[in-house]
Amino acid sequence: AHSYHGSEEHNSRAVINRYLGYWDANPATLAPLSL
């Protein structure tokens, strides 16, 4: 169950992305400035 290949950090974000997409529902991040 260790993260020798994947990781908890990026896999957890992936699950949300699969169901809810990239937006966190804060309008400030919906169309943010480029870095």
All heavy atoms as atom14 arrays in JSON, in Angstrom:
{
  "sequence": "AHSYHGSEEHNSRAVINRYLGYWDANPATLAPLSL",
  "atom14_mask": [
    [1, 1, 1, 1, 1, 0, 0, 0, 0, 0, 0, 0, 0, 0],
    [1, 1, 1, 1, 1, 1, 1, 1, 1, 1, 0, 0, 0, 0],
    [1, 1, 1, 1, 1, 1, 0, 0, 0, 0, 0, 0, 0, 0],
    [1, 1, 1, 1, 1, 1, 1, 1, 1, 1, 1, 1, 0, 0],
    [1, 1, 1, 1, 1, 1, 1, 1, 1, 1, 0, 0, 0, 0],
    [1, 1, 1, 1, 0, 0, 0, 0, 0, 0, 0, 0, 0, 0],
    [1, 1, 1, 1, 1, 1, 0, 0, 0, 0, 0, 0, 0, 0],
    [1, 1, 1, 1, 1, 1, 1, 1, 1, 0, 0, 0, 0, 0],
    [1, 1, 1, 1, 1, 1, 1, 1, 1, 0, 0, 0, 0, 0],
    [1, 1, 1, 1, 1, 1, 1, 1, 1, 1, 0, 0, 0, 0],
    [1, 1, 1, 1, 1, 1, 1, 1, 0, 0, 0, 0, 0, 0],
    [1, 1, 1, 1, 1, 1, 0, 0, 0, 0, 0, 0, 0, 0],
    [1, 1, 1, 1, 1, 1, 1, 1, 1, 1, 1, 0, 0, 0],
    [1, 1, 1, 1, 1, 0, 0, 0, 0, 0, 0, 0, 0, 0],
    [1, 1, 1, 1, 1, 1, 1, 0, 0, 0, 0, 0, 0, 0],
    [1, 1, 1, 1, 1, 1, 1, 1, 0, 0, 0, 0, 0, 0],
    [1, 1, 1, 1, 1, 1, 1, 1, 0, 0, 0, 0, 0, 0],
    [1, 1, 1, 1, 1, 1, 1, 1, 1, 1, 1, 0, 0, 0],
    [1, 1, 1, 1, 1, 1, 1, 1, 1, 1, 1, 1, 0, 0],
    [1, 1, 1, 1, 1, 1, 1, 1, 0, 0, 0, 0, 0, 0],
    [1, 1, 1, 1, 0, 0, 0, 0, 0, 0, 0, 0, 0, 0],
    [1, 1, 1, 1, 1, 1, 1, 1, 1, 1, 1, 1, 0, 0],
    [1, 1, 1, 1, 1, 1, 1, 1, 1, 1, 1, 1, 1, 1],
    [1, 1, 1, 1, 1, 1, 1, 1, 0, 0, 0, 0, 0, 0],
    [1, 1, 1, 1, 1, 0, 0, 0, 0, 0, 0, 0, 0, 0],
    [1, 1, 1, 1, 1, 1, 1, 1, 0, 0, 0, 0, 0, 0],
    [1, 1, 1, 1, 1, 1, 1, 0, 0, 0, 0, 0, 0, 0],
    [1, 1, 1, 1, 1, 0, 0, 0, 0, 0, 0, 0, 0, 0],
    [1, 1, 1, 1, 1, 1, 1, 0, 0, 0, 0, 0, 0, 0],
    [1, 1, 1, 1, 1, 1, 1, 1, 0, 0, 0, 0, 0, 0],
    [1, 1, 1, 1, 1, 0, 0, 0, 0, 0, 0, 0, 0, 0],
    [1, 1, 1, 1, 1, 1, 1, 0, 0, 0, 0, 0, 0, 0],
    [1, 1, 1, 1, 1, 1, 1, 1, 0, 0, 0, 0, 0, 0],
    [1, 1, 1, 1, 1, 1, 0, 0, 0, 0, 0, 0, 0, 0],
    [1, 1, 1, 1, 1, 1, 1, 1, 0, 0, 0, 0, 0, 0]
  ],
  "atom14_positions": [
    [[0.82, -1.21, 0.0], [0.0, 0.0, 0.0], [0.85, 1.26, 0.0], [0.31, 2.36, 0.11], [-0.93, 0.0, 1.21], [0.0, 0.0, 0.0], [0.0, 0.0, 0.0], [0.0, 0.0, 0.0], [0.0, 0.0, 0.0], [0.0, 0.0, 0.0], [0.0, 0.0, 0.0], [0.0, 0.0, 0.0], [0.0, 0.0, 0.0], [0.0, 0.0, 0.0]],
    [[2.16, 1.1, -0.14], [3.05, 2.26, -0.14], [3.1, 2.93, -1.51], [2.87, 2.29, -2.54], [4.46, 1.85, 0.3], [4.64, 1.85, 1.78], [5.5, 2.69, 2.44], [4.04, 1.11, 2.75], [5.44, 2.47, 3.73], [4.56, 1.51, 3.95], [0.0, 0.0, 0.0], [0.0, 0.0, 0.0], [0.0, 0.0, 0.0], [0.0, 0.0, 0.0]],
    [[3.46, 4.2, -1.51], [3.5, 4.99, -2.75], [4.85, 4.88, -3.44], [5.53, 5.87, -3.68], [3.18, 6.46, -2.42], [1.87, 6.59, -1.93], [0.0, 0.0, 0.0], [0.0, 0.0, 0.0], [0.0, 0.0, 0.0], [0.0, 0.0, 0.0], [0.0, 0.0, 0.0], [0.0, 0.0, 0.0], [0.0, 0.0, 0.0], [0.0, 0.0, 0.0]],
    [[5.23, 3.66, -3.79], [6.5, 3.49, -4.48], [6.41, 3.87, -5.97], [7.42, 4.05, -6.62], [6.99, 2.05, -4.36], [7.23, 1.61, -2.94], [6.6, 0.49, -2.42], [8.1, 2.33, -2.12], [6.82, 0.1, -1.12], [8.32, 1.94, -0.8], [7.68, 0.82, -0.31], [7.89, 0.45, 0.98], [0.0, 0.0, 0.0], [0.0, 0.0, 0.0]],
    [[5.21, 3.93, -6.49], [5.04, 4.3, -7.91], [4.1, 5.49, -8.03], [4.5, 6.56, -8.43], [4.51, 3.11, -8.7], [4.54, 3.3, -10.18], [5.69, 3.64, -10.87], [3.57, 3.23, -11.12], [5.43, 3.75, -12.16], [4.15, 3.52, -12.35], [0.0, 0.0, 0.0], [0.0, 0.0, 0.0], [0.0, 0.0, 0.0], [0.0, 0.0, 0.0]],
    [[2.86, 5.31, -7.63], [1.95, 6.45, -7.55], [2.2, 7.2, -6.25], [3.18, 6.96, -5.55], [0.0, 0.0, 0.0], [0.0, 0.0, 0.0], [0.0, 0.0, 0.0], [0.0, 0.0, 0.0], [0.0, 0.0, 0.0], [0.0, 0.0, 0.0], [0.0, 0.0, 0.0], [0.0, 0.0, 0.0], [0.0, 0.0, 0.0], [0.0, 0.0, 0.0]],
    [[1.32, 8.1, -5.92], [1.44, 8.8, -4.63], [0.05, 9.21, -4.16], [-0.86, 9.43, -4.97], [2.33, 10.04, -4.76], [1.64, 11.12, -5.34], [0.0, 0.0, 0.0], [0.0, 0.0, 0.0], [0.0, 0.0, 0.0], [0.0, 0.0, 0.0], [0.0, 0.0, 0.0], [0.0, 0.0, 0.0], [0.0, 0.0, 0.0], [0.0, 0.0, 0.0]],
    [[-0.1, 9.3, -2.83], [-1.37, 9.75, -2.27], [-1.71, 11.15, -2.75], [-2.88, 11.48, -3.0], [-1.29, 9.74, -0.74], [-1.19, 8.36, -0.12], [-1.02, 8.43, 1.38], [-1.53, 9.39, 1.98], [-0.37, 7.54, 1.95], [0.0, 0.0, 0.0], [0.0, 0.0, 0.0], [0.0, 0.0, 0.0], [0.0, 0.0, 0.0], [0.0, 0.0, 0.0]],
    [[-0.67, 12.02, -2.89], [-0.94, 13.41, -3.24], [-1.59, 13.53, -4.62], [-2.66, 14.13, -4.76], [0.36, 14.22, -3.22], [0.96, 14.41, -1.85], [2.11, 13.45, -1.58], [2.05, 12.31, -2.08], [3.06, 13.86, -0.89], [0.0, 0.0, 0.0], [0.0, 0.0, 0.0], [0.0, 0.0, 0.0], [0.0, 0.0, 0.0], [0.0, 0.0, 0.0]],
    [[-0.93, 12.98, -5.64], [-1.51, 13.23, -6.96], [-2.67, 12.29, -7.28], [-3.57, 12.63, -8.06], [-0.42, 13.23, -8.07], [0.1, 11.91, -8.5], [1.25, 11.35, -8.0], [-0.34, 11.06, -9.45], [1.51, 10.21, -8.6], [0.55, 10.01, -9.49], [0.0, 0.0, 0.0], [0.0, 0.0, 0.0], [0.0, 0.0, 0.0], [0.0, 0.0, 0.0]],
    [[-2.72, 11.11, -6.66], [-3.86, 10.22, -6.88], [-5.14, 10.78, -6.25], [-6.23, 10.65, -6.81], [-3.57, 8.84, -6.31], [-2.74, 7.99, -7.26], [-2.64, 8.28, -8.44], [-2.13, 6.94, -6.72], [0.0, 0.0, 0.0], [0.0, 0.0, 0.0], [0.0, 0.0, 0.0], [0.0, 0.0, 0.0], [0.0, 0.0, 0.0], [0.0, 0.0, 0.0]],
    [[-5.02, 11.41, -5.08], [-6.22, 11.97, -4.44], [-6.8, 13.11, -5.28], [-8.02, 13.24, -5.42], [-5.9, 12.44, -3.02], [-4.89, 13.43, -3.02], [0.0, 0.0, 0.0], [0.0, 0.0, 0.0], [0.0, 0.0, 0.0], [0.0, 0.0, 0.0], [0.0, 0.0, 0.0], [0.0, 0.0, 0.0], [0.0, 0.0, 0.0], [0.0, 0.0, 0.0]],
    [[-5.93, 13.92, -5.84], [-6.42, 15.0, -6.71], [-7.09, 14.42, -7.96], [-8.06, 14.97, -8.49], [-5.27, 15.92, -7.11], [-4.57, 16.6, -5.94], [-3.58, 17.64, -6.41], [-4.27, 18.86, -6.8], [-3.7, 19.85, -7.48], [-2.44, 19.76, -7.85], [-4.4, 20.92, -7.79], [0.0, 0.0, 0.0], [0.0, 0.0, 0.0], [0.0, 0.0, 0.0]],
    [[-6.55, 13.28, -8.44], [-7.1, 12.67, -9.64], [-8.53, 12.18, -9.42], [-9.37, 12.29, -10.33], [-6.21, 11.5, -10.07], [0.0, 0.0, 0.0], [0.0, 0.0, 0.0], [0.0, 0.0, 0.0], [0.0, 0.0, 0.0], [0.0, 0.0, 0.0], [0.0, 0.0, 0.0], [0.0, 0.0, 0.0], [0.0, 0.0, 0.0], [0.0, 0.0, 0.0]],
    [[-8.83, 11.64, -8.25], [-10.18, 11.15, -7.99], [-11.18, 12.3, -8.06], [-12.24, 12.19, -8.69], [-10.25, 10.45, -6.62], [-11.7, 10.08, -6.28], [-9.38, 9.19, -6.62], [0.0, 0.0, 0.0], [0.0, 0.0, 0.0], [0.0, 0.0, 0.0], [0.0, 0.0, 0.0], [0.0, 0.0, 0.0], [0.0, 0.0, 0.0], [0.0, 0.0, 0.0]],
    [[-10.83, 13.42, -7.44], [-11.73, 14.58, -7.52], [-11.85, 15.06, -8.96], [-12.95, 15.38, -9.44], [-11.24, 15.71, -6.61], [-11.46, 15.34, -5.14], [-11.98, 17.02, -6.92], [-11.16, 16.44, -4.16], [0.0, 0.0, 0.0], [0.0, 0.0, 0.0], [0.0, 0.0, 0.0], [0.0, 0.0, 0.0], [0.0, 0.0, 0.0], [0.0, 0.0, 0.0]],
    [[-10.75, 15.08, -9.68], [-10.79, 15.54, -11.07], [-11.69, 14.66, -11.92], [-12.42, 15.14, -12.79], [-9.37, 15.55, -11.65], [-9.31, 16.2, -13.01], [-9.81, 17.3, -13.2], [-8.72, 15.52, -13.97], [0.0, 0.0, 0.0], [0.0, 0.0, 0.0], [0.0, 0.0, 0.0], [0.0, 0.0, 0.0], [0.0, 0.0, 0.0], [0.0, 0.0, 0.0]],
    [[-11.69, 13.35, -11.65], [-12.53, 12.44, -12.43], [-14.01, 12.76, -12.26], [-14.79, 12.7, -13.21], [-12.25, 10.99, -12.04], [-13.07, 9.98, -12.83], [-12.74, 8.54, -12.48], [-13.57, 7.63, -13.25], [-13.28, 7.17, -14.46], [-12.13, 7.52, -15.03], [-14.09, 6.36, -15.11], [0.0, 0.0, 0.0], [0.0, 0.0, 0.0], [0.0, 0.0, 0.0]],
    [[-14.39, 13.11, -11.03], [-15.81, 13.31, -10.75], [-16.25, 14.77, -10.82], [-17.38, 15.06, -11.21], [-16.15, 12.76, -9.36], [-16.17, 11.25, -9.3], [-15.04, 10.54, -8.92], [-17.3, 10.54, -9.66], [-15.05, 9.15, -8.88], [-17.33, 9.15, -9.63], [-16.2, 8.46, -9.24], [-16.21, 7.09, -9.2], [0.0, 0.0, 0.0], [0.0, 0.0, 0.0]],
    [[-15.38, 15.69, -10.42], [-15.78, 17.09, -10.31], [-15.0, 18.03, -11.22], [-15.32, 19.21, -11.32], [-15.63, 17.57, -8.85], [-16.5, 16.85, -7.82], [-16.15, 17.32, -6.41], [-17.98, 17.09, -8.11], [0.0, 0.0, 0.0], [0.0, 0.0, 0.0], [0.0, 0.0, 0.0], [0.0, 0.0, 0.0], [0.0, 0.0, 0.0], [0.0, 0.0, 0.0]],
    [[-13.95, 17.53, -11.87], [-13.17, 18.37, -12.75], [-12.14, 19.2, -12.01], [-11.94, 19.06, -10.8], [0.0, 0.0, 0.0], [0.0, 0.0, 0.0], [0.0, 0.0, 0.0], [0.0, 0.0, 0.0], [0.0, 0.0, 0.0], [0.0, 0.0, 0.0], [0.0, 0.0, 0.0], [0.0, 0.0, 0.0], [0.0, 0.0, 0.0], [0.0, 0.0, 0.0]],
    [[-11.48, 20.11, -12.74], [-10.34, 20.84, -12.19], [-10.73, 22.02, -11.31], [-9.91, 22.55, -10.57], [-9.46, 21.35, -13.33], [-10.14, 22.37, -14.22], [-10.13, 23.72, -13.89], [-10.83, 21.98, -15.36], [-10.77, 24.67, -14.67], [-11.47, 22.92, -16.16], [-11.45, 24.25, -15.82], [-12.1, 25.18, -16.59], [0.0, 0.0, 0.0], [0.0, 0.0, 0.0]],
    [[-11.99, 22.47, -11.37], [-12.37, 23.71, -10.68], [-12.72, 23.42, -9.23], [-13.43, 22.46, -8.91], [-13.57, 24.35, -11.38], [-13.95, 25.69, -10.83], [-13.12, 26.68, -10.42], [-15.29, 26.18, -10.63], [-13.83, 27.77, -9.99], [-15.17, 27.49, -10.09], [-16.55, 25.66, -10.85], [-16.28, 28.26, -9.78], [-17.66, 26.42, -10.55], [-17.52, 27.72, -10.02]],
    [[-12.24, 24.27, -8.32], [-12.52, 24.1, -6.89], [-13.76, 24.87, -6.45], [-14.05, 24.94, -5.25], [-11.31, 24.51, -6.05], [-10.96, 26.0, -6.19], [-11.65, 26.71, -6.95], [-9.98, 26.44, -5.56], [0.0, 0.0, 0.0], [0.0, 0.0, 0.0], [0.0, 0.0, 0.0], [0.0, 0.0, 0.0], [0.0, 0.0, 0.0], [0.0, 0.0, 0.0]],
    [[-14.49, 25.45, -7.39], [-15.75, 26.17, -7.15], [-15.55, 27.55, -6.56], [-16.52, 28.21, -6.17], [-16.72, 25.36, -6.29], [0.0, 0.0, 0.0], [0.0, 0.0, 0.0], [0.0, 0.0, 0.0], [0.0, 0.0, 0.0], [0.0, 0.0, 0.0], [0.0, 0.0, 0.0], [0.0, 0.0, 0.0], [0.0, 0.0, 0.0], [0.0, 0.0, 0.0]],
    [[-14.32, 28.03, -6.5], [-14.05, 29.41, -6.14], [-13.95, 30.2, -7.44], [-13.07, 29.93, -8.26], [-12.74, 29.5, -5.36], [-12.38, 30.93, -4.98], [-12.97, 31.89, -5.47], [-11.4, 31.07, -4.12], [0.0, 0.0, 0.0], [0.0, 0.0, 0.0], [0.0, 0.0, 0.0], [0.0, 0.0, 0.0], [0.0, 0.0, 0.0], [0.0, 0.0, 0.0]],
    [[-14.84, 31.18, -7.69], [-14.79, 31.91, -8.95], [-13.43, 32.54, -9.24], [-13.07, 32.74, -10.4], [-15.87, 32.98, -8.78], [-16.83, 32.38, -7.82], [-16.0, 31.57, -6.87], [0.0, 0.0, 0.0], [0.0, 0.0, 0.0], [0.0, 0.0, 0.0], [0.0, 0.0, 0.0], [0.0, 0.0, 0.0], [0.0, 0.0, 0.0], [0.0, 0.0, 0.0]],
    [[-12.64, 32.81, -8.2], [-11.32, 33.41, -8.41], [-10.37, 32.47, -9.14], [-9.39, 32.9, -9.75], [-10.7, 33.82, -7.07], [0.0, 0.0, 0.0], [0.0, 0.0, 0.0], [0.0, 0.0, 0.0], [0.0, 0.0, 0.0], [0.0, 0.0, 0.0], [0.0, 0.0, 0.0], [0.0, 0.0, 0.0], [0.0, 0.0, 0.0], [0.0, 0.0, 0.0]],
    [[-10.66, 31.16, -9.08], [-9.8, 30.18, -9.76], [-10.42, 29.64, -11.05], [-9.84, 28.77, -11.68], [-9.49, 28.99, -8.82], [-10.7, 28.27, -8.56], [-8.88, 29.47, -7.52], [0.0, 0.0, 0.0], [0.0, 0.0, 0.0], [0.0, 0.0, 0.0], [0.0, 0.0, 0.0], [0.0, 0.0, 0.0], [0.0, 0.0, 0.0], [0.0, 0.0, 0.0]],
    [[-11.57, 30.16, -11.41], [-12.25, 29.63, -12.6], [-11.55, 30.06, -13.88], [-11.4, 29.27, -14.81], [-13.71, 30.1, -12.61], [-14.6, 29.53, -13.71], [-14.59, 28.01, -13.71], [-16.02, 30.05, -13.54], [0.0, 0.0, 0.0], [0.0, 0.0, 0.0], [0.0, 0.0, 0.0], [0.0, 0.0, 0.0], [0.0, 0.0, 0.0], [0.0, 0.0, 0.0]],
    [[-11.11, 31.29, -13.93], [-10.34, 31.79, -15.08], [-9.19, 32.63, -14.55], [-9.16, 33.85, -14.72], [-11.23, 32.6, -16.02], [0.0, 0.0, 0.0], [0.0, 0.0, 0.0], [0.0, 0.0, 0.0], [0.0, 0.0, 0.0], [0.0, 0.0, 0.0], [0.0, 0.0, 0.0], [0.0, 0.0, 0.0], [0.0, 0.0, 0.0], [0.0, 0.0, 0.0]],
    [[-8.24, 31.98, -13.87], [-7.19, 32.74, -13.18], [-6.18, 33.34, -14.16], [-6.06, 32.91, -15.31], [-6.51, 31.67, -12.31], [-6.72, 30.4, -13.06], [-8.08, 30.53, -13.7], [0.0, 0.0, 0.0], [0.0, 0.0, 0.0], [0.0, 0.0, 0.0], [0.0, 0.0, 0.0], [0.0, 0.0, 0.0], [0.0, 0.0, 0.0], [0.0, 0.0, 0.0]],
    [[-5.45, 34.32, -13.69], [-4.33, 34.85, -14.44], [-3.29, 33.75, -14.65], [-3.14, 32.86, -13.82], [-3.66, 36.0, -13.68], [-4.38, 37.35, -13.63], [-3.68, 38.26, -12.63], [-4.43, 38.0, -15.01], [0.0, 0.0, 0.0], [0.0, 0.0, 0.0], [0.0, 0.0, 0.0], [0.0, 0.0, 0.0], [0.0, 0.0, 0.0], [0.0, 0.0, 0.0]],
    [[-2.58, 33.83, -15.76], [-1.43, 32.95, -15.94], [-0.37, 33.33, -14.92], [-0.27, 34.5, -14.5], [-0.86, 33.09, -17.35], [-1.81, 32.7, -18.31], [0.0, 0.0, 0.0], [0.0, 0.0, 0.0], [0.0, 0.0, 0.0], [0.0, 0.0, 0.0], [0.0, 0.0, 0.0], [0.0, 0.0, 0.0], [0.0, 0.0, 0.0], [0.0, 0.0, 0.0]],
    [[0.43, 32.35, -14.52], [1.45, 32.61, -13.51], [2.4, 33.74, -13.92], [2.79, 34.56, -13.1], [2.26, 31.33, -13.24], [1.85, 30.52, -12.01], [2.63, 29.23, -11.95], [2.05, 31.33, -10.74], [0.0, 0.0, 0.0], [0.0, 0.0, 0.0], [0.0, 0.0, 0.0], [0.0, 0.0, 0.0], [0.0, 0.0, 0.0], [0.0, 0.0, 0.0]]
  ]
}
